Amino acid sequence: MSRIGKLPIAIPAGVTVNVDAANVVTVKGSKGELKQAVNPSIIVKVQDQEVVLEIDEKADVDVKQKQSYHGLYRSLIHNMVVGVSEGFKKQLELVGVGYRVSNQGNLLDFALGYTHPILFQLPAEIKVETKSERNQNPLITLESCDKQLLGQVCAKIRSFRMPEPYKGKGILFVGEQIRRKSGKSAGAK
């Protein structure tokens, strides 16, 4: 049995969790609404302000696969509950000379040392804020109730200019440490 899957998920005040007949979990809160389809081998129950997930022993799925689903769907539903009540926030910084970012609504405009600017349209579920101060690296702050979508968007933005180990330039998460490499050693024989 999954050690994560058997833990109950507490439902905070102001959050409602519904499970329909097609095994789709809907979570509503102050930050938004999220839906997740759950595999039929997992039974989702809402009782006493808690969400409990159980393995359906009659399901025609491999035992190991059922245990994997148990932990997976518990984590996904927990992230949905936290997302609609508190939300998720990620910050990225642009490290490099001349690297800039600005936004008009949900459209990000990057200058990352290429010959052309990069325009990136964010999904409507994500709120963005850019900050550029003198003698500071430009910052991008992304907020959303959907943790999966937020992580995917951050990975896409980061892929425009991955951090490199020699000069440490690129798009990094705030607080991330880059393992630096020394360049060519002069006069090696």
Protein backbone atom coordinates (compact mmCIF):
# COMPACT_ATOMS: atom_id res chain seq x y z
CA MET A 1 0.00 0.00 0.00
CA SER A 2 1.24 3.47 -0.82
CA ARG A 3 2.47 5.39 2.22
CA ILE A 4 1.51 8.66 0.56
CA GLY A 5 -1.80 7.43 -0.84
CA LYS A 6 -3.26 6.37 2.50
CA LEU A 7 -2.82 9.84 4.07
CA PRO A 8 -6.11 11.79 4.19
CA ILE A 9 -6.28 15.25 2.59
CA ALA A 10 -7.73 17.92 4.89
CA ILE A 11 -10.16 20.28 3.16
CA PRO A 12 -9.64 23.90 4.34
CA ALA A 13 -12.51 26.33 4.89
CA GLY A 14 -13.88 27.82 1.67
CA VAL A 15 -12.90 24.82 -0.49
CA THR A 16 -15.42 22.33 -1.89
CA VAL A 17 -14.50 18.92 -3.30
CA ASN A 18 -16.96 16.92 -5.45
CA VAL A 19 -16.58 13.49 -7.06
CA ASP A 20 -18.97 12.64 -9.89
CA ALA A 21 -20.02 9.24 -11.25
CA ALA A 22 -17.30 9.28 -13.94
CA ASN A 23 -14.64 9.48 -11.16
CA VAL A 24 -13.76 13.12 -11.96
CA VAL A 25 -12.71 15.16 -8.91
CA THR A 26 -13.69 18.85 -8.98
CA VAL A 27 -12.10 21.23 -6.47
CA LYS A 28 -13.42 24.81 -6.10
CA GLY A 29 -11.93 27.57 -3.99
CA SER A 30 -11.22 31.28 -3.83
CA LYS A 31 -8.35 31.06 -6.37
CA GLY A 32 -10.22 29.03 -9.01
CA GLU A 33 -11.58 25.65 -10.01
CA LEU A 34 -9.63 22.53 -11.04
CA LYS A 35 -10.70 19.12 -12.36
CA GLN A 36 -8.86 15.80 -12.43
CA ALA A 37 -10.01 12.48 -13.88
CA VAL A 38 -9.09 9.57 -11.58
CA ASN A 39 -8.41 6.01 -12.74
CA PRO A 40 -11.31 3.64 -11.92
CA SER A 41 -8.98 1.46 -9.81
CA ILE A 42 -8.94 4.24 -7.17
CA ILE A 43 -12.03 5.11 -5.08
CA VAL A 44 -12.24 8.76 -3.94
CA LYS A 45 -14.42 9.54 -0.92
CA VAL A 46 -15.19 12.91 0.70
CA GLN A 47 -16.03 12.52 4.38
CA ASP A 48 -15.69 14.70 7.52
CA GLN A 49 -13.87 17.57 5.74
CA GLU A 50 -11.29 15.09 4.40
CA VAL A 51 -10.64 13.40 1.07
CA VAL A 52 -9.71 9.72 1.39
CA LEU A 53 -8.41 7.57 -1.46
CA GLU A 54 -8.74 3.78 -1.44
CA ILE A 55 -7.63 1.05 -3.82
CA ASP A 56 -10.47 -0.87 -5.50
CA GLU A 57 -9.48 -4.51 -5.01
CA LYS A 58 -11.93 -5.67 -7.72
CA ALA A 59 -10.35 -3.52 -10.45
CA ASP A 60 -8.66 -5.44 -13.25
CA VAL A 61 -5.30 -3.68 -12.97
CA ASP A 62 -1.89 -4.92 -11.82
CA VAL A 63 -1.37 -4.57 -8.03
CA LYS A 64 1.82 -2.53 -8.45
CA GLN A 65 0.06 -0.20 -10.91
CA LYS A 66 -2.84 0.30 -8.45
CA GLN A 67 -0.39 1.25 -5.70
CA SER A 68 1.32 3.72 -8.04
CA TYR A 69 -2.03 5.29 -8.93
CA HIS A 70 -2.91 5.51 -5.23
CA GLY A 71 0.05 7.78 -4.40
CA LEU A 72 -0.15 9.69 -7.68
CA TYR A 73 -3.79 10.70 -7.42
CA ARG A 74 -3.46 11.56 -3.73
CA SER A 75 -0.61 13.97 -4.60
CA LEU A 76 -2.54 15.47 -7.54
CA ILE A 77 -5.68 16.06 -5.47
CA HIS A 78 -3.63 17.51 -2.60
CA ASN A 79 -1.97 19.94 -5.04
CA MET A 80 -5.41 20.93 -6.34
CA VAL A 81 -6.70 21.64 -2.81
CA VAL A 82 -3.62 23.70 -1.92
CA GLY A 83 -3.77 25.49 -5.29
CA VAL A 84 -7.38 26.68 -5.03
CA SER A 85 -6.95 27.78 -1.40
CA GLU A 86 -3.42 29.30 -1.34
CA GLY A 87 -2.13 29.19 -4.91
CA PHE A 88 1.37 28.51 -6.18
CA LYS A 89 4.08 31.05 -7.00
CA LYS A 90 7.39 30.73 -8.87
CA GLN A 91 10.03 33.37 -9.55
CA LEU A 92 12.53 33.32 -12.39
CA GLU A 93 15.47 35.68 -12.85
CA LEU A 94 17.33 36.54 -16.05
CA VAL A 95 21.11 36.51 -15.51
CA GLY A 96 23.14 37.99 -18.34
CA VAL A 97 24.19 41.31 -19.82
CA GLY A 98 21.35 42.86 -21.83
CA TYR A 99 18.78 40.22 -20.87
CA ARG A 100 15.38 41.91 -20.45
CA VAL A 101 11.74 40.97 -20.07
CA SER A 102 8.52 42.95 -20.15
CA ASN A 103 4.86 42.03 -20.28
CA GLN A 104 1.66 43.44 -21.76
CA GLY A 105 -1.06 41.46 -20.02
CA ASN A 106 -0.17 37.78 -20.47
CA LEU A 107 2.24 38.36 -23.37
CA LEU A 108 5.90 38.20 -22.34
CA ASP A 109 8.56 39.91 -24.49
CA PHE A 110 12.09 38.57 -23.94
CA ALA A 111 15.43 40.00 -25.10
CA LEU A 112 17.91 37.18 -24.47
CA GLY A 113 20.86 37.97 -26.69
CA TYR A 114 19.38 36.50 -29.86
CA THR A 115 18.94 38.53 -33.06
CA HIS A 116 15.19 38.71 -32.45
CA PRO A 117 12.92 39.20 -29.44
CA ILE A 118 11.01 36.18 -28.16
CA LEU A 119 7.27 36.64 -27.62
CA PHE A 120 5.54 34.13 -25.35
CA GLN A 121 1.78 34.04 -24.72
CA LEU A 122 0.93 32.72 -21.25
CA PRO A 123 -2.27 30.74 -20.55
CA ALA A 124 -5.14 32.74 -19.05
CA GLU A 125 -4.91 30.82 -15.73
CA ILE A 126 -1.47 32.28 -14.97
CA LYS A 127 -0.90 35.77 -13.55
CA VAL A 128 2.44 37.34 -14.39
CA GLU A 129 4.43 40.27 -13.04
CA THR A 130 7.82 41.45 -14.34
CA LYS A 131 10.21 43.66 -12.45
CA SER A 132 13.32 45.37 -13.80
CA GLU A 133 15.38 47.54 -11.47
CA ARG A 134 18.70 49.21 -12.05
CA ASN A 135 21.70 47.00 -11.06
CA GLN A 136 19.37 44.04 -10.42
CA ASN A 137 18.57 41.01 -12.55
CA PRO A 138 15.11 41.19 -14.19
CA LEU A 139 12.53 39.08 -12.32
CA ILE A 140 9.45 37.23 -13.57
CA THR A 141 6.84 36.26 -10.95
CA LEU A 142 4.26 33.68 -12.04
CA GLU A 143 1.20 32.75 -9.97
CA SER A 144 -1.47 30.12 -10.58
CA CYS A 145 -3.74 27.65 -8.80
CA ASP A 146 -2.63 24.83 -11.15
CA LYS A 147 0.78 23.49 -10.08
CA GLN A 148 1.23 21.30 -13.18
CA LEU A 149 0.53 24.15 -15.61
CA LEU A 150 2.78 26.54 -13.67
CA GLY A 151 5.69 24.10 -13.73
CA GLN A 152 5.23 23.44 -17.44
CA VAL A 153 5.20 27.17 -18.27
CA CYS A 154 8.31 27.77 -16.13
CA ALA A 155 10.12 24.93 -17.93
CA LYS A 156 9.16 26.42 -21.31
CA ILE A 157 10.38 29.90 -20.33
CA ARG A 158 13.61 28.42 -18.96
CA SER A 159 14.19 26.56 -22.25
CA PHE A 160 14.55 29.88 -24.12
CA ARG A 161 17.99 30.34 -22.50
CA MET A 162 19.06 27.44 -20.28
CA PRO A 163 21.59 28.29 -17.54
CA GLU A 164 25.09 27.45 -18.68
CA PRO A 165 27.88 26.32 -16.32
CA TYR A 166 30.77 28.50 -17.55
CA LYS A 167 29.50 32.05 -17.03
CA GLY A 168 26.30 31.24 -15.13
CA LYS A 169 24.12 33.08 -17.65
CA GLY A 170 20.56 32.12 -18.50
CA ILE A 171 17.08 31.97 -16.96
CA LEU A 172 17.22 30.60 -13.40
CA PHE A 173 14.78 30.04 -10.57
CA VAL A 174 15.37 32.54 -7.75
CA GLY A 175 17.80 31.01 -5.27
CA GLU A 176 19.00 28.28 -7.66
CA GLN A 177 22.71 27.48 -7.54
CA ILE A 178 24.47 26.68 -10.81
CA ARG A 179 27.36 24.25 -10.57
CA ARG A 180 30.13 26.24 -12.23
CA LYS A 181 32.90 24.78 -14.38
CA SER A 182 36.30 26.29 -15.02
CA GLY A 183 37.03 27.12 -18.63
CA LYS A 184 40.11 26.14 -20.59
CA SER A 185 43.20 26.11 -18.43
CA ALA A 186 45.88 28.30 -19.99
CA GLY A 187 49.26 26.79 -20.78
CA ALA A 188 48.30 23.15 -20.14
CA LYS A 189 50.74 20.75 -21.79
